[in-house]
Amino acid sequence: MLRACFISIEDEGIDLILSFALEDEKMGVRSLILMRTAVFESIMPAAERGVRVSLEGGNNCDDEILVRVVLSSEKIKIVTKSFSYKVNLSRIDAEELQSLAKFLQKMNFDNKFEIRHS
């Protein structure tokens, strides 16, 4: 399981971005990024709309569309059609976790992905 050192939420401008800084023995730190550019989605095919997920240095060549998130106070599971990422959130404080949950709801304004709480 990957461990998040911290999270970053960007809610200004055109994009909605949620980033997880992950500890990595080989690379030091790498980013798992969830990004949505809702302003431009109306001109995109329906299958390409939603939150894009990418892992820095990961195997996925193209961004994947988010399908499901399972969130608890200890971890988050991020699921796309092709990949699943489990992230340990033990270093993230309660206030940041609340912000994370609210931001996921904002990113999911059209119910394009499922949010579960465990």
C-alpha atoms as a PDB file:
ATOM      1  CA  MET A   1       0.000   0.000   0.000  1.00  0.00           C
ATOM      2  CA  LEU A   2       1.256   3.457  -0.885  1.00  0.00           C
ATOM      3  CA  ARG A   3       1.609   5.987   1.962  1.00  0.00           C
ATOM      4  CA  ALA A   4       0.605   9.622   1.556  1.00  0.00           C
ATOM      5  CA  CYS A   5       2.990  12.160   3.110  1.00  0.00           C
ATOM      6  CA  PHE A   6       0.477  14.937   2.445  1.00  0.00           C
ATOM      7  CA  ILE A   7      -2.350  15.928   0.139  1.00  0.00           C
ATOM      8  CA  SER A   8      -2.900  19.043  -1.923  1.00  0.00           C
ATOM      9  CA  ILE A   9      -6.243  20.447  -3.064  1.00  0.00           C
ATOM     10  CA  GLU A  10      -6.373  23.012  -5.866  1.00  0.00           C
ATOM     11  CA  ASP A  11      -9.775  24.592  -6.353  1.00  0.00           C
ATOM     12  CA  GLU A  12      -8.927  27.802  -8.162  1.00  0.00           C
ATOM     13  CA  GLY A  13      -9.051  28.441 -11.855  1.00  0.00           C
ATOM     14  CA  ILE A  14     -10.326  25.956 -14.420  1.00  0.00           C
ATOM     15  CA  ASP A  15      -9.163  22.636 -12.933  1.00  0.00           C
ATOM     16  CA  LEU A  16     -10.154  20.775  -9.788  1.00  0.00           C
ATOM     17  CA  ILE A  17      -7.024  18.912  -8.650  1.00  0.00           C
ATOM     18  CA  LEU A  18      -6.462  16.514  -5.764  1.00  0.00           C
ATOM     19  CA  SER A  19      -2.856  15.347  -5.373  1.00  0.00           C
ATOM     20  CA  PHE A  20      -1.382  12.779  -3.040  1.00  0.00           C
ATOM     21  CA  ALA A  21       2.371  13.010  -2.356  1.00  0.00           C
ATOM     22  CA  LEU A  22       3.372   9.357  -1.971  1.00  0.00           C
ATOM     23  CA  GLU A  23       6.443   7.907  -0.335  1.00  0.00           C
ATOM     24  CA  ASP A  24       8.401   5.800  -2.784  1.00  0.00           C
ATOM     25  CA  GLU A  25      11.638   3.962  -1.942  1.00  0.00           C
ATOM     26  CA  LYS A  26      12.939   4.210  -5.523  1.00  0.00           C
ATOM     27  CA  MET A  27      11.777   7.690  -6.532  1.00  0.00           C
ATOM     28  CA  GLY A  28      11.621   9.410  -3.136  1.00  0.00           C
ATOM     29  CA  VAL A  29       8.213  11.016  -3.575  1.00  0.00           C
ATOM     30  CA  ARG A  30       5.795  10.721  -6.481  1.00  0.00           C
ATOM     31  CA  SER A  31       2.341  12.071  -7.120  1.00  0.00           C
ATOM     32  CA  LEU A  32      -1.024  10.425  -7.572  1.00  0.00           C
ATOM     33  CA  ILE A  33      -3.240  13.044  -9.200  1.00  0.00           C
ATOM     34  CA  LEU A  34      -6.998  13.255  -9.631  1.00  0.00           C
ATOM     35  CA  MET A  35      -7.961  16.078 -11.985  1.00  0.00           C
ATOM     36  CA  ARG A  36     -11.201  17.328 -13.454  1.00  0.00           C
ATOM     37  CA  THR A  37     -11.660  20.133 -15.969  1.00  0.00           C
ATOM     38  CA  ALA A  38     -15.438  20.393 -15.946  1.00  0.00           C
ATOM     39  CA  VAL A  39     -15.536  23.578 -18.053  1.00  0.00           C
ATOM     40  CA  PHE A  40     -14.407  21.709 -21.163  1.00  0.00           C
ATOM     41  CA  GLU A  41     -16.313  18.463 -20.607  1.00  0.00           C
ATOM     42  CA  SER A  42     -19.346  19.634 -22.581  1.00  0.00           C
ATOM     43  CA  ILE A  43     -17.300  19.414 -25.805  1.00  0.00           C
ATOM     44  CA  MET A  44     -15.916  15.962 -24.977  1.00  0.00           C
ATOM     45  CA  PRO A  45     -17.525  12.577 -25.700  1.00  0.00           C
ATOM     46  CA  ALA A  46     -19.468  11.291 -22.669  1.00  0.00           C
ATOM     47  CA  ALA A  47     -17.015   8.392 -22.170  1.00  0.00           C
ATOM     48  CA  GLU A  48     -14.128  10.848 -21.703  1.00  0.00           C
ATOM     49  CA  ARG A  49     -15.853  13.049 -19.109  1.00  0.00           C
ATOM     50  CA  GLY A  50     -15.010  12.787 -15.428  1.00  0.00           C
ATOM     51  CA  VAL A  51     -12.038  12.756 -13.090  1.00  0.00           C
ATOM     52  CA  ARG A  52      -8.742  11.692 -14.649  1.00  0.00           C
ATOM     53  CA  VAL A  53      -6.326   9.691 -12.507  1.00  0.00           C
ATOM     54  CA  SER A  54      -2.590   9.513 -13.147  1.00  0.00           C
ATOM     55  CA  LEU A  55       0.368   8.188 -11.178  1.00  0.00           C
ATOM     56  CA  GLU A  56       3.762   9.754 -11.734  1.00  0.00           C
ATOM     57  CA  GLY A  57       6.109   7.047 -12.975  1.00  0.00           C
ATOM     58  CA  GLY A  58       3.226   4.561 -13.186  1.00  0.00           C
ATOM     59  CA  ASN A  59       2.533   1.958 -15.852  1.00  0.00           C
ATOM     60  CA  ASN A  60      -0.486   3.742 -17.252  1.00  0.00           C
ATOM     61  CA  CYS A  61       0.333   5.626 -20.441  1.00  0.00           C
ATOM     62  CA  ASP A  62      -2.919   7.533 -20.604  1.00  0.00           C
ATOM     63  CA  ASP A  63      -4.912   9.081 -17.827  1.00  0.00           C
ATOM     64  CA  GLU A  64      -7.664   6.819 -16.561  1.00  0.00           C
ATOM     65  CA  ILE A  65     -11.197   7.905 -15.666  1.00  0.00           C
ATOM     66  CA  LEU A  66     -12.160   7.496 -12.003  1.00  0.00           C
ATOM     67  CA  VAL A  67     -14.851   4.873 -11.343  1.00  0.00           C
ATOM     68  CA  ARG A  68     -14.924   4.543  -7.541  1.00  0.00           C
ATOM     69  CA  VAL A  69     -13.421   5.896  -4.350  1.00  0.00           C
ATOM     70  CA  VAL A  70     -13.608   4.092  -1.015  1.00  0.00           C
ATOM     71  CA  LEU A  71     -12.636   6.406   1.830  1.00  0.00           C
ATOM     72  CA  SER A  72     -11.989   5.839   5.523  1.00  0.00           C
ATOM     73  CA  SER A  73      -9.989   7.693   8.151  1.00  0.00           C
ATOM     74  CA  GLU A  74      -7.048   5.350   7.553  1.00  0.00           C
ATOM     75  CA  LYS A  75      -6.978   4.816   3.787  1.00  0.00           C
ATOM     76  CA  ILE A  76      -8.433   5.586   0.394  1.00  0.00           C
ATOM     77  CA  LYS A  77      -8.904   3.207  -2.505  1.00  0.00           C
ATOM     78  CA  ILE A  78      -8.990   4.866  -5.931  1.00  0.00           C
ATOM     79  CA  VAL A  79     -10.372   2.701  -8.739  1.00  0.00           C
ATOM     80  CA  THR A  80     -10.333   3.236 -12.504  1.00  0.00           C
ATOM     81  CA  LYS A  81     -11.334   0.723 -15.176  1.00  0.00           C
ATOM     82  CA  SER A  82      -7.748  -0.552 -15.432  1.00  0.00           C
ATOM     83  CA  PHE A  83      -6.035   0.305 -12.139  1.00  0.00           C
ATOM     84  CA  SER A  84      -6.634   0.372  -8.407  1.00  0.00           C
ATOM     85  CA  TYR A  85      -4.551   2.380  -5.943  1.00  0.00           C
ATOM     86  CA  LYS A  86      -4.637   1.903  -2.175  1.00  0.00           C
ATOM     87  CA  VAL A  87      -3.225   4.833  -0.231  1.00  0.00           C
ATOM     88  CA  ASN A  88      -2.490   4.874   3.491  1.00  0.00           C
ATOM     89  CA  LEU A  89      -3.774   8.169   4.958  1.00  0.00           C
ATOM     90  CA  SER A  90      -2.445   7.744   8.508  1.00  0.00           C
ATOM     91  CA  ARG A  91      -0.251  10.867   8.184  1.00  0.00           C
ATOM     92  CA  ILE A  92      -3.164  13.056   7.079  1.00  0.00           C
ATOM     93  CA  ASP A  93      -4.901  14.927   9.914  1.00  0.00           C
ATOM     94  CA  ALA A  94      -8.663  14.901  10.515  1.00  0.00           C
ATOM     95  CA  GLU A  95      -9.221  18.418   9.139  1.00  0.00           C
ATOM     96  CA  GLU A  96      -7.484  17.542   5.865  1.00  0.00           C
ATOM     97  CA  LEU A  97      -9.503  14.310   5.629  1.00  0.00           C
ATOM     98  CA  GLN A  98     -12.726  16.328   5.943  1.00  0.00           C
ATOM     99  CA  SER A  99     -11.519  18.673   3.205  1.00  0.00           C
ATOM    100  CA  LEU A 100     -10.638  15.649   1.068  1.00  0.00           C
ATOM    101  CA  ALA A 101     -14.133  14.158   1.459  1.00  0.00           C
ATOM    102  CA  LYS A 102     -15.834  17.476   0.621  1.00  0.00           C
ATOM    103  CA  PHE A 103     -13.610  18.012  -2.395  1.00  0.00           C
ATOM    104  CA  LEU A 104     -14.380  14.541  -3.752  1.00  0.00           C
ATOM    105  CA  GLN A 105     -18.083  15.434  -3.525  1.00  0.00           C
ATOM    106  CA  LYS A 106     -17.404  18.637  -5.454  1.00  0.00           C
ATOM    107  CA  MET A 107     -15.513  16.705  -8.138  1.00  0.00           C
ATOM    108  CA  ASN A 108     -18.467  14.328  -8.362  1.00  0.00           C
ATOM    109  CA  PHE A 109     -21.117  16.986  -9.056  1.00  0.00           C
ATOM    110  CA  ASP A 110     -22.656  14.799 -11.802  1.00  0.00           C
ATOM    111  CA  ASN A 111     -22.239  11.407 -10.090  1.00  0.00           C
ATOM    112  CA  LYS A 112     -19.699  10.182 -12.670  1.00  0.00           C
ATOM    113  CA  PHE A 113     -18.019   8.015 -10.004  1.00  0.00           C
ATOM    114  CA  GLU A 114     -19.076   6.213  -6.862  1.00  0.00           C
ATOM    115  CA  ILE A 115     -18.034   7.400  -3.401  1.00  0.00           C
ATOM    116  CA  ARG A 116     -18.156   4.875  -0.561  1.00  0.00           C
ATOM    117  CA  HIS A 117     -17.250   5.378   3.072  1.00  0.00           C
ATOM    118  CA  SER A 118     -15.966   2.463   5.089  1.00  0.00           C
END
